[in-house]
Protein backbone atom coordinates (compact mmCIF):
# COMPACT_ATOMS: atom_id res chain seq x y z
CA MET A 1 116.48 108.67 60.55
CA SER A 2 113.48 109.83 58.60
CA GLU A 3 109.92 108.96 59.46
CA GLN A 4 109.64 106.75 56.33
CA GLN A 5 112.54 104.52 57.47
CA LYS A 6 110.98 103.62 60.80
CA THR A 7 109.51 100.18 61.39
CA ARG A 8 105.87 100.12 62.50
CA ILE A 9 104.28 97.00 63.91
CA SER A 10 101.49 95.94 66.23
CA VAL A 11 102.41 93.61 69.07
CA GLU A 12 100.51 92.01 71.90
CA ILE A 13 101.84 92.32 75.44
CA TYR A 14 99.90 90.83 78.32
CA GLY A 15 96.67 90.75 76.33
CA GLN A 16 96.90 94.34 75.10
CA THR A 17 97.78 95.44 71.58
CA TYR A 18 100.45 98.12 71.22
CA LYS A 19 101.77 99.89 68.14
CA MET A 20 105.54 100.02 68.15
CA VAL A 21 107.60 102.41 66.05
CA GLY A 22 111.37 102.19 65.90
CA SER A 23 114.51 101.85 63.87
CA GLU A 24 115.05 98.18 64.69
CA THR A 25 113.94 95.25 62.55
CA THR A 26 110.47 93.81 62.90
CA GLY A 27 112.00 90.63 64.31
CA HIS A 28 113.88 92.56 66.97
CA MET A 29 110.82 94.55 67.98
CA ARG A 30 108.71 91.39 68.21
CA LEU A 31 111.41 89.75 70.33
CA VAL A 32 111.41 92.71 72.73
CA ALA A 33 107.61 92.60 73.02
CA SER A 34 107.70 88.84 73.56
CA MET A 35 110.30 89.14 76.30
CA VAL A 36 108.29 91.85 78.07
CA ASP A 37 105.17 89.67 77.81
CA ASP A 38 107.06 86.65 79.17
CA LYS A 39 108.48 88.64 82.10
CA MET A 40 105.07 90.08 82.98
CA ARG A 41 103.54 86.60 82.97
CA GLU A 42 106.41 85.23 85.07
CA ILE A 43 106.01 87.97 87.68
CA GLN A 44 102.20 87.59 87.67
CA ALA A 45 102.54 83.84 88.25
CA HIS A 46 104.34 84.59 91.55
CA ASN A 47 102.15 87.59 92.49
CA SER A 48 98.65 86.83 91.18
CA GLN A 49 97.00 89.73 93.03
CA LEU A 50 99.01 92.47 91.27
CA ASP A 51 97.09 94.90 89.10
CA ILE A 52 98.44 95.71 85.63
CA PRO A 53 100.11 99.05 86.52
CA LYS A 54 102.02 97.47 89.42
CA LEU A 55 102.88 94.47 87.26
CA ALA A 56 104.20 96.79 84.55
CA VAL A 57 106.35 98.71 87.06
CA LEU A 58 107.79 95.50 88.51
CA THR A 59 108.55 94.31 84.99
CA ALA A 60 110.36 97.59 84.27
CA VAL A 61 112.30 97.31 87.55
CA ASN A 62 113.35 93.76 86.63
CA ALA A 63 114.41 94.85 83.13
CA VAL A 64 116.51 97.74 84.44
CA ASN A 65 118.07 95.46 87.07
CA ASP A 66 119.04 92.99 84.33
CA TYR A 67 120.41 95.86 82.21
CA ILE A 68 122.58 97.18 85.07
CA LYS A 69 123.99 93.71 85.75
CA VAL A 70 124.86 93.17 82.08
CA LYS A 71 126.38 96.66 81.83
CA GLU A 72 128.56 96.01 84.89
CA GLN A 73 129.61 92.66 83.45
CA LEU A 74 130.53 94.33 80.16
CA GLU A 75 132.62 96.97 81.96
CA ILE A 76 134.52 94.23 83.82
CA LEU A 77 135.17 92.32 80.61
CA GLU A 78 136.29 95.49 78.81
CA ALA A 79 138.72 96.26 81.65
CA GLU A 80 140.09 92.71 81.50
CA LEU A 81 140.48 92.97 77.74
CA LYS A 82 142.29 96.31 78.10
CA LYS A 83 144.71 94.74 80.61
CA LEU A 84 145.43 91.88 78.19
CA LYS A 85 146.13 94.34 75.37
CA ASP A 86 148.49 96.49 77.46
């Protein structure tokens, strides 16, 4: 994808403005930023003494955990679908 085709937007996450560049739609990129912001605020609400770097790492850990669970679920469903097709 060429540089001209990339989407560029500014988003706010946890009170900080970030410039995002990617191949996804503006709506998708804003949704991602909003979900990260929501997760950071949720974690902070339960751990009010966390500094921003630790909060960011915990948010990343939570996101990867969710990703692994969804990936495992997808693999199970794909295996079940394969069995049904055979």
